[in-house]
Amino acid sequence: MTDVIEAAPPRTGLARRRIGVLIASNLLGGIGVASSVAVGGLLAEQLGGTAFAGFAQATSVLGAAVAAVPLATLAARRGRRAALATGYAIALVGGLVIILSAIIAQFVVLLIGLAMFGVGQAVNLQSRYAASDNAEPAARGRIMSLVIWSTTIGSVLGPNLTNVANDFGFTLGLPRFAGPYTFSIAAIMTAGVIIMLMYGGETRARPVQGEPIVAARAVGAITALKWAFANPTARMAVVLTASAHAVMVMVMVMTPVHMQHHGDSLTVVGVVISLHVLGMYALSPVFGWAADRFGATRSAAFGVAGLLVAILLGLIAASAGGGWTIAALTVLGTGWSCCVISASTLLASTPDSRVRVPLQGATDAGMNYAGAAAAALAGPILAVGGFHAVNVAALALLVPAAVLVAMRLWRGGGPVAEG
């Protein structure tokens, strides 16, 4: 097991600087991930066929899932800076491998590259917990949501660069759909450099005078999950995170393919994905404030309701298309945001220092494993039953979270308690 030394939140100046660095790196990371999200499925379809289109997002999310626990372990041992920078470096190499796969037209190489590229999403997710390390307990929801919100600019800008990046790729002699990854590589590399140079060292052996430290013995991810599932509120937070992400990925990853099949241009697809990502991040400060002000369990219920509305809109959009697709994807993003921020606020407040960081990593891993499975199933579901079936499957994925949130509300759910 790993020795963990937990210090009190850093002094105000250092904490503010670190939050600023996380905001900047998340903005760039958002560009890196989102500038290619609209073409990942299309590139996979081009190399492997429609039934395998969902494997692009599935593999990328799987990469994020596999990386989540090792990155959390690295954060516990060597600090957040080392973990975040390492993750960005792996994602950068993944972007290069994706471009190589397009050049040599090899589907398996594409999947390898996408798995590595997906680590960038794991870094963006773990940045919210790095922010919580620098926040006072009463403001954790707001600080985490602020860092998540910073992804808005990059994530909305990214998909709208799809055509420009694709044309840029053509000037370099790259195949169709490879160009957007050149923009991704540049953005992710810059984010990693900012983290390395500006986040600041974490000298745990020599804490600032007056800041108490508590030595603890960290537990593994499995032990942390066992602890969580014995705690009703923590259990709800873990399941809610996985369920909300699976619902979002199930619908989102098939929307570009569904739209292309109905004759929509790549530009229109980029706009719809941009609005979806805007929904994911733009209102996050509001949801963070709500979690701090009214309680994370109540805000979680609002998020689950939002996902339900999005699914109903998606069922209409399957036939009507047009503005219904835009509305469904935008509401889907806001519901996801509210659920993830609410659950993250609860997990960041875990009082047992032995399980806090391992549980964060394990939850992110579970979240991404669920998303990977949903994305892998989405392609065959779309091929067999169309976009209607995709939304029905998403509804089934939402049920476990809805049940647990309802149970906590009924019983007056409170904060995560000591196990």
Foldseek 3Di string as FASTA:
>chain_A
DDKFKAWAADDPVLLVLLLVLLLLLLQLLLLLVQLQLLCQLVLLCVLPNLLCSLLLLLLLLLLLLVLLLVLLVCCRHFNNLVSLLVLLVQLLVLLVQCQVCQVVSPNVSNSVSSSSNSSSVNSLLCSLLVSLSNDDLLQSLLSSLSSLLSSLNSNLVSLLCNVVQQVVCVVVVTDGSSRSSVSSSVSSVVSSVSSNPRSDGDPSVDDDPPIDIDIDAADALVVLVVQQVVWLLSVLLLLLLQLLLLLLLLQLSCVSVLVVVVPDDSNVSSNLSSLLSCLQRNCSSVLSVCCSPVNLLVLLLVLLVLSVVLLVLQLVCQPVPDPSSSVSSSSSNNSSSNSNSSSVSLLSPAPDPNNNSSNSSNSSSSNSNSNSVSSSVSSVQCVPPNSNSSSVVSVVSSVVSNVSSVVCVVVVNDGGDRD
